[in-house]
Protein backbone atom coordinates (compact mmCIF):
# COMPACT_ATOMS: atom_id res chain seq x y z
CA MET A 1 -40.20 40.30 -33.92
CA PHE A 2 -36.72 38.81 -33.60
CA ARG A 3 -36.37 39.07 -29.93
CA LEU A 4 -37.71 35.79 -29.12
CA PRO A 5 -35.57 33.71 -31.58
CA LEU A 6 -32.44 35.56 -30.25
CA VAL A 7 -33.47 34.78 -26.52
CA ARG A 8 -33.89 31.05 -27.63
CA LEU A 9 -30.39 31.37 -29.42
CA ALA A 10 -28.88 32.74 -26.46
CA ALA A 11 -30.02 29.92 -24.34
CA ALA A 12 -29.21 27.42 -26.82
CA VAL A 13 -25.55 28.81 -26.77
CA ALA A 14 -25.59 28.79 -22.94
CA CYS A 15 -26.72 25.23 -22.82
CA ILE A 16 -24.10 24.06 -25.42
CA GLY A 17 -21.15 25.93 -23.33
CA LEU A 18 -22.59 24.23 -20.00
CA THR A 19 -22.58 20.94 -22.06
CA SER A 20 -19.24 21.39 -23.13
CA LEU A 21 -17.79 22.44 -19.67
CA ALA A 22 -19.35 19.27 -18.24
CA GLN A 23 -17.90 17.23 -20.66
CA ALA A 24 -14.59 18.97 -20.22
CA GLN A 25 -14.42 17.95 -16.52
CA THR A 26 -13.75 14.50 -15.59
CA LYS A 27 -14.15 12.90 -12.14
CA TRP A 28 -12.00 9.81 -10.80
CA ASP A 29 -12.62 7.92 -7.86
CA LEU A 30 -9.43 6.73 -5.80
CA PRO A 31 -10.39 4.08 -3.13
CA SER A 32 -7.80 3.42 -0.31
CA ALA A 33 -8.17 0.96 2.63
CA TYR A 34 -6.28 3.34 5.25
CA ALA A 35 -7.43 6.14 7.87
CA PRO A 36 -7.60 9.58 6.87
CA ALA A 37 -4.69 10.68 9.21
CA ASN A 38 -2.36 7.73 7.68
CA PHE A 39 0.56 9.34 5.68
CA HIS A 40 -0.39 7.14 2.66
CA THR A 41 -3.74 8.93 2.65
CA GLU A 42 -2.76 12.22 3.23
CA ASN A 43 -0.14 11.81 0.27
CA LEU A 44 -3.03 10.66 -1.87
CA GLU A 45 -5.17 13.80 -0.95
CA TYR A 46 -2.12 16.07 -1.72
CA PHE A 47 -1.82 14.14 -5.10
CA ALA A 48 -5.51 14.73 -6.03
CA LYS A 49 -5.37 18.39 -5.00
CA GLN A 50 -2.00 18.69 -7.50
CA VAL A 51 -3.81 17.25 -9.82
CA ASP A 52 -6.94 19.36 -9.70
CA THR A 53 -4.42 22.67 -9.68
CA ALA A 54 -2.33 21.67 -12.74
CA THR A 55 -5.49 20.70 -14.58
CA ALA A 56 -7.52 23.76 -13.59
CA GLY A 57 -10.12 21.48 -12.23
CA LYS A 58 -10.53 19.71 -15.38
CA LEU A 59 -9.69 16.27 -13.71
CA LYS A 60 -11.07 15.86 -10.10
CA ILE A 61 -9.77 12.90 -8.28
CA VAL A 62 -12.07 11.91 -5.11
CA VAL A 63 -9.81 10.02 -2.52
CA HIS A 64 -12.26 7.34 -0.49
CA ALA A 65 -10.39 6.52 2.78
CA ASN A 66 -10.51 3.75 5.15
CA ALA A 67 -12.19 1.29 2.60
CA SER A 68 -15.41 3.35 2.51
CA LEU A 69 -15.79 2.66 -1.00
CA PHE A 70 -14.19 -0.72 -1.73
CA LYS A 71 -12.55 -2.97 0.80
CA ALA A 72 -8.66 -3.46 0.56
CA PRO A 73 -8.93 -6.90 -1.41
CA GLU A 74 -11.38 -5.55 -3.61
CA ILE A 75 -9.70 -2.33 -4.95
CA LYS A 76 -7.46 -3.80 -7.62
CA ARG A 77 -10.55 -5.45 -9.21
CA ALA A 78 -12.58 -2.34 -8.99
CA VAL A 79 -9.97 -0.55 -11.31
CA GLN A 80 -9.60 -3.54 -13.62
CA GLY A 81 -13.11 -3.95 -13.97
CA GLY A 82 -13.90 0.03 -14.34
CA GLN A 83 -15.73 0.49 -10.92
CA ALA A 84 -12.88 2.76 -10.07
CA GLN A 85 -10.47 4.72 -12.30
CA LEU A 86 -7.56 4.21 -9.97
CA GLY A 87 -6.90 2.96 -6.48
CA GLU A 88 -4.22 2.20 -3.95
CA ILE A 89 -3.41 -1.53 -3.18
CA LEU A 90 -0.97 -3.05 -0.89
CA LEU A 91 1.13 -5.16 -3.09
CA VAL A 92 1.79 -8.20 -0.91
CA ASN A 93 -2.06 -8.82 -0.86
CA TYR A 94 -1.96 -10.18 -4.23
CA GLU A 95 0.90 -12.69 -4.35
CA ASN A 96 -1.53 -15.47 -4.59
CA GLU A 97 -2.36 -14.00 -8.01
CA ASN A 98 1.07 -13.57 -9.13
CA PRO A 99 4.34 -14.05 -6.82
CA LEU A 100 5.52 -10.64 -8.22
CA PHE A 101 3.37 -8.91 -5.92
CA GLY A 102 5.13 -10.61 -2.95
CA MET A 103 8.59 -9.68 -3.70
CA ASP A 104 8.75 -6.76 -1.40
CA GLY A 105 7.07 -9.04 1.49
CA MET A 106 10.02 -11.29 1.94
CA PRO A 107 11.81 -11.38 5.22
CA ASN A 108 15.67 -10.58 5.06
CA LEU A 109 15.39 -9.19 1.57
CA VAL A 110 15.42 -5.53 2.52
CA GLY A 111 16.74 -3.95 5.63
CA ASN A 112 16.52 -0.05 4.73
CA TYR A 113 14.91 2.39 2.65
CA ALA A 114 17.79 2.52 0.36
CA GLN A 115 17.35 -1.44 -0.35
CA ALA A 116 13.78 -0.83 -0.82
CA LYS A 117 14.36 1.61 -3.45
CA SER A 118 16.44 -0.83 -5.30
CA LEU A 119 13.96 -3.57 -5.02
CA ASP A 120 11.17 -1.28 -6.09
CA GLN A 121 13.69 -0.52 -9.29
CA VAL A 122 13.61 -4.20 -9.89
CA GLN A 123 10.09 -5.23 -8.86
CA ARG A 124 8.19 -2.08 -10.57
CA PRO A 125 8.84 -2.70 -14.40
CA ALA A 126 7.92 -6.70 -13.96
CA LEU A 127 4.76 -5.55 -12.38
CA ASP A 128 3.84 -2.82 -14.68
CA LYS A 129 4.37 -5.59 -17.80
CA TYR A 130 2.14 -7.82 -15.94
CA LEU A 131 -0.78 -5.09 -15.09
CA GLU A 132 -0.67 -4.06 -18.60
CA GLY A 133 -2.06 -7.38 -19.74
CA GLN A 134 -4.83 -6.55 -17.37
CA GLY A 135 -5.42 -2.96 -18.67
CA MET A 136 -3.70 -1.13 -15.74
CA LYS A 137 -0.34 0.28 -14.93
CA ILE A 138 1.28 1.55 -11.66
CA LEU A 139 1.40 5.37 -11.18
CA PHE A 140 3.62 5.68 -8.19
CA THR A 141 4.57 3.33 -5.20
CA VAL A 142 5.16 4.39 -1.40
CA PRO A 143 6.60 2.35 1.44
CA TRP A 144 5.32 1.47 4.69
CA ASN A 145 7.67 1.69 7.55
CA PRO A 146 9.70 -1.53 8.28
CA GLN A 147 7.82 -4.37 9.91
CA GLY A 148 7.85 -5.62 13.32
CA ILE A 149 5.79 -7.82 15.59
CA TYR A 150 3.51 -6.50 18.28
CA THR A 151 2.44 -8.59 21.33
CA LYS A 152 0.63 -8.27 24.43
CA LYS A 153 3.43 -9.80 26.53
CA PRO A 154 7.31 -10.36 26.35
CA VAL A 155 8.15 -12.81 23.75
CA ASN A 156 11.66 -14.32 23.39
CA SER A 157 11.34 -17.04 21.03
CA VAL A 158 9.25 -18.44 18.31
CA ALA A 159 7.97 -21.03 20.43
CA GLU A 160 6.48 -18.47 22.81
CA MET A 161 4.33 -17.29 19.89
CA LYS A 162 2.73 -20.78 19.37
CA GLY A 163 -0.99 -20.73 19.85
CA LEU A 164 -1.67 -16.81 19.48
CA LYS A 165 -4.26 -15.51 17.34
CA TRP A 166 -2.09 -13.81 14.57
CA ARG A 167 -3.46 -11.31 12.28
CA SER A 168 -3.22 -12.54 8.70
CA TYR A 169 -3.63 -10.11 5.86
CA SER A 170 -1.46 -11.22 2.92
CA PRO A 171 -0.21 -14.77 2.03
CA VAL A 172 3.12 -14.45 3.66
CA THR A 173 1.63 -13.05 6.73
CA ALA A 174 -0.63 -16.33 6.70
CA ARG A 175 2.42 -18.57 5.98
CA LEU A 176 4.22 -16.99 8.69
CA ALA A 177 1.33 -18.28 11.11
CA GLU A 178 1.77 -21.67 9.77
CA LEU A 179 5.47 -21.72 10.41
CA MET A 180 5.31 -19.90 13.80
CA ASN A 181 2.44 -22.40 15.09
CA MET A 182 -0.07 -19.43 15.34
CA VAL A 183 -3.51 -19.45 14.43
CA PRO A 184 -4.17 -16.97 11.55
CA VAL A 185 -7.21 -14.51 11.69
CA THR A 186 -7.85 -12.55 8.37
CA ILE A 187 -8.29 -8.95 9.31
CA GLN A 188 -8.19 -5.99 7.01
CA ALA A 189 -6.57 -2.57 7.85
CA ALA A 190 -9.95 -1.28 8.51
CA GLU A 191 -11.19 -3.71 10.81
CA LEU A 192 -8.14 -4.03 12.87
CA SER A 193 -8.78 -1.78 15.91
CA GLN A 194 -12.14 -3.49 16.48
CA ALA A 195 -10.35 -6.91 16.25
CA LEU A 196 -7.87 -5.67 18.80
CA ALA A 197 -10.24 -4.16 21.29
CA THR A 198 -12.27 -7.51 21.29
CA GLY A 199 -9.40 -9.79 21.63
CA VAL A 200 -9.76 -11.51 18.12
CA VAL A 201 -6.04 -10.59 17.54
CA GLU A 202 -3.24 -11.19 19.99
CA SER A 203 -0.50 -10.36 17.94
CA TYR A 204 0.46 -9.06 14.58
CA LEU A 205 3.38 -8.17 12.21
CA SER A 206 3.23 -4.57 10.80
CA SER A 207 4.75 -1.09 10.85
CA SER A 208 4.58 1.42 13.62
CA MET A 209 2.18 3.42 11.55
CA THR A 210 -0.19 0.89 11.74
CA GLY A 211 0.25 0.86 15.42
CA VAL A 212 -0.70 4.45 15.73
CA ASP A 213 -3.68 4.22 13.27
CA THR A 214 -5.04 1.39 15.37
CA LYS A 215 -4.07 2.58 18.88
CA THR A 216 -2.74 -0.82 19.36
CA TYR A 217 -0.95 0.53 22.63
CA GLU A 218 -4.21 0.24 24.19
CA SER A 219 -4.23 -3.60 23.80
CA MET A 220 -0.75 -4.63 23.32
CA LYS A 221 2.46 -3.26 24.96
CA PHE A 222 5.35 -4.70 23.21
CA TRP A 223 6.57 -4.11 19.60
CA TYR A 224 9.63 -6.02 18.54
CA ASP A 225 11.70 -3.96 15.88
CA PHE A 226 12.58 -6.72 13.44
CA GLN A 227 12.93 -4.47 10.44
CA ALA A 228 11.48 -7.78 8.60
CA PHE A 229 10.70 -6.14 5.46
CA ILE A 230 9.37 -2.69 3.90
CA PRO A 231 6.35 -3.50 1.91
CA LYS A 232 4.80 -0.79 -0.65
CA ASN A 233 1.41 0.24 -1.54
CA ALA A 234 0.97 1.15 -5.25
CA VAL A 235 -1.45 3.49 -6.78
CA ILE A 236 -2.84 1.72 -10.02
CA VAL A 237 -4.64 3.19 -12.78
CA SER A 238 -7.01 1.74 -15.61
CA LEU A 239 -5.07 2.38 -18.72
CA LYS A 240 -8.48 2.91 -20.36
CA ALA A 241 -9.29 5.94 -18.07
CA PHE A 242 -5.80 7.21 -18.51
CA ASN A 243 -5.55 6.94 -22.20
CA ALA A 244 -9.20 8.96 -22.59
CA LEU A 245 -7.42 11.99 -21.06
CA ASP A 246 -5.72 14.53 -23.37
CA LYS A 247 -2.08 14.84 -23.53
CA ALA A 248 -1.83 17.87 -21.23
CA THR A 249 -3.80 16.08 -18.59
CA GLN A 250 -1.98 12.94 -18.79
CA ASP A 251 1.31 14.76 -18.24
CA ALA A 252 -0.28 16.50 -15.27
CA VAL A 253 -1.41 13.44 -13.60
CA THR A 254 2.11 11.53 -14.48
CA LYS A 255 4.09 14.76 -13.00
CA ALA A 256 1.99 14.70 -9.86
CA ALA A 257 2.26 11.07 -9.67
CA ALA A 258 6.16 11.22 -9.70
CA GLU A 259 6.05 13.93 -6.90
CA ALA A 260 3.73 11.93 -5.05
CA GLN A 261 6.12 8.96 -5.10
CA THR A 262 9.18 11.26 -3.98
CA ARG A 263 7.23 12.83 -1.42
CA GLY A 264 5.78 9.30 -0.01
CA TRP A 265 9.07 7.71 0.34
CA LYS A 266 10.66 10.70 2.12
CA THR A 267 7.76 10.93 4.39
CA SER A 268 7.59 7.24 5.54
CA GLU A 269 11.36 7.25 6.35
CA ASP A 270 11.12 10.78 8.17
CA LYS A 271 8.09 9.72 10.19
CA GLU A 272 9.39 6.65 11.43
CA ALA A 273 10.92 8.11 14.50
CA SER A 274 8.16 10.28 15.39
CA LEU A 275 5.67 7.24 15.16
CA LYS A 276 7.86 5.17 17.58
CA LYS A 277 7.65 7.90 19.80
CA ILE A 278 3.81 7.94 19.77
CA LEU A 279 3.96 4.18 20.47
CA THR A 280 6.32 4.84 23.65
CA ASP A 281 4.68 7.77 24.83
CA ASN A 282 1.35 5.57 25.08
CA GLY A 283 3.10 3.02 27.06
CA MET A 284 4.47 0.67 24.48
CA THR A 285 7.94 -1.00 24.64
CA ILE A 286 9.88 -0.92 21.66
CA THR A 287 12.85 -3.32 21.56
CA VAL A 288 14.99 -5.43 19.17
CA PRO A 289 14.16 -8.93 19.41
CA SER A 290 16.32 -11.45 21.37
CA ALA A 291 19.28 -13.24 19.37
CA THR A 292 17.39 -16.53 19.79
CA PHE A 293 14.10 -14.97 18.33
CA LEU A 294 15.81 -13.04 15.63
CA ALA A 295 17.89 -16.05 14.62
CA GLU A 296 14.82 -18.07 14.42
CA PHE A 297 12.79 -15.56 12.36
CA ASN A 298 15.51 -15.18 10.10
CA LYS A 299 15.50 -19.04 9.40
CA ILE A 300 11.72 -18.79 8.76
CA GLY A 301 12.46 -15.61 6.58
CA ALA A 302 14.89 -17.64 4.41
CA THR A 303 12.20 -20.63 4.09
CA LEU A 304 9.86 -18.07 2.71
CA LEU A 305 12.37 -16.46 0.05
CA THR A 306 13.13 -19.92 -1.09
CA ASP A 307 9.50 -20.89 -1.50
CA TRP A 308 8.65 -17.65 -3.25
CA GLU A 309 11.70 -18.40 -5.74
CA LYS A 310 10.06 -21.84 -6.36
CA LYS A 311 6.71 -20.18 -7.01
CA SER A 312 7.96 -17.42 -9.18
CA GLY A 313 10.20 -19.68 -11.25
CA ALA A 314 12.67 -18.31 -13.86
CA GLN A 315 11.34 -14.84 -13.65
CA GLY A 316 11.68 -14.60 -9.92
CA THR A 317 15.15 -16.07 -9.95
CA ALA A 318 16.06 -13.49 -12.36
CA LEU A 319 14.70 -10.72 -10.43
CA ILE A 320 16.43 -11.63 -7.23
CA ALA A 321 19.79 -11.87 -9.15
CA GLU A 322 18.95 -8.35 -10.97
CA TYR A 323 18.63 -7.03 -7.32
CA ARG A 324 21.55 -8.81 -6.03
CA LYS A 325 23.70 -6.75 -8.17
CA LEU A 326 22.33 -3.66 -6.74
CA VAL A 327 22.14 -5.11 -2.88
CA PRO A 328 24.63 -7.90 -2.35
CA ALA A 329 23.46 -10.63 -0.14
CA LYS A 330 24.73 -10.32 3.68
C-alpha cells in the first residue's frame, strides 16, 4: 500500500532535480555583425566554447553572426535594454553618442598594433566608466587590420575621389566623404557584398579582412594601404546579467574574455599578410598611396582629430595627452 506514494515521491524528486538543473543552466545570446568566417566571429565562437567548458555547461553563449539577430547599429541598445546579454560592437559606430567611441577611428593617431594597444590602454577605462552608467561593461576588445581605401580605378589624389559613391558606416567615414567631396552611402557590413555587386558603392575605407569577407576583388581592383587607423570591436556585457552569475561562473567568463582579447589581437596582426595575399591572388593591386594622396589624406586626418578633440572637450584632451606619453607624436 506504500507503493503508489513512493512512486509519486520518486517522480516529485525527479521533477525537482530537473527543475534545479534547468535553473542552473543559463543561456546568453551574443549578436555580432560579421560573417562566420571572419576572425572576429571565430574568436567569439571559441570564447563561447571556452566558457561552456569552464562552467561545465552551466553558461551557454550562443553567437549570432552576420547581423542575424540584430543589425550592427542595434546591438548596443539590445544589450543595454536586456534583449541580449552581451554583444559585439564596432566602437567607432557610436561616436555620435559619445566621442569616446570614436577615438580609435582618428587617422594618424595609430600607425601599428603596438600603438593600437597603447590607445586601448587609454580609451578602454574611459569607455568602461561611461558604459557603467548604462548598465554595461567591456569584456574584451579585438582590433581590425589597418585601414585602407578600395577603389575601382587607380587614384592618385583626393581630387580624383570627387563624386564617388562612398560607403559610410560611422561618423568618421561619413565625415571623410564630406571632406573628400564624395557621396556617402550608409552600408553596414552584412549588406556590403550586395552593395558592391550592384554598384551602390564605388569606394570605401576598410581592412583587408573586410575585402576578403565581401569578395571586394570581384568589383574593385585597387587597395591603397594607408594604415589609416586600427579600429576595434568590443564585446560588451550587461552588468545585470553578469552580476546574476555566481562567482565561479563570473571568473570563468572573465578568464575566457582575457584569453579572447590576447588571442584576437594576435590573430588580427598575424592574419594581415595572408589576407593581403588572398586579395592579390584574386587580382587586386595593393599599393601604398602616392605622396600627394597620402599628404592630402593626412591633412584631412589632422582636421578630423582636431574636430574630435573639440567635441570631446577636456576629457578628450586629457586622453590624447595620456596617449602621447605612451606614443609621442611624429
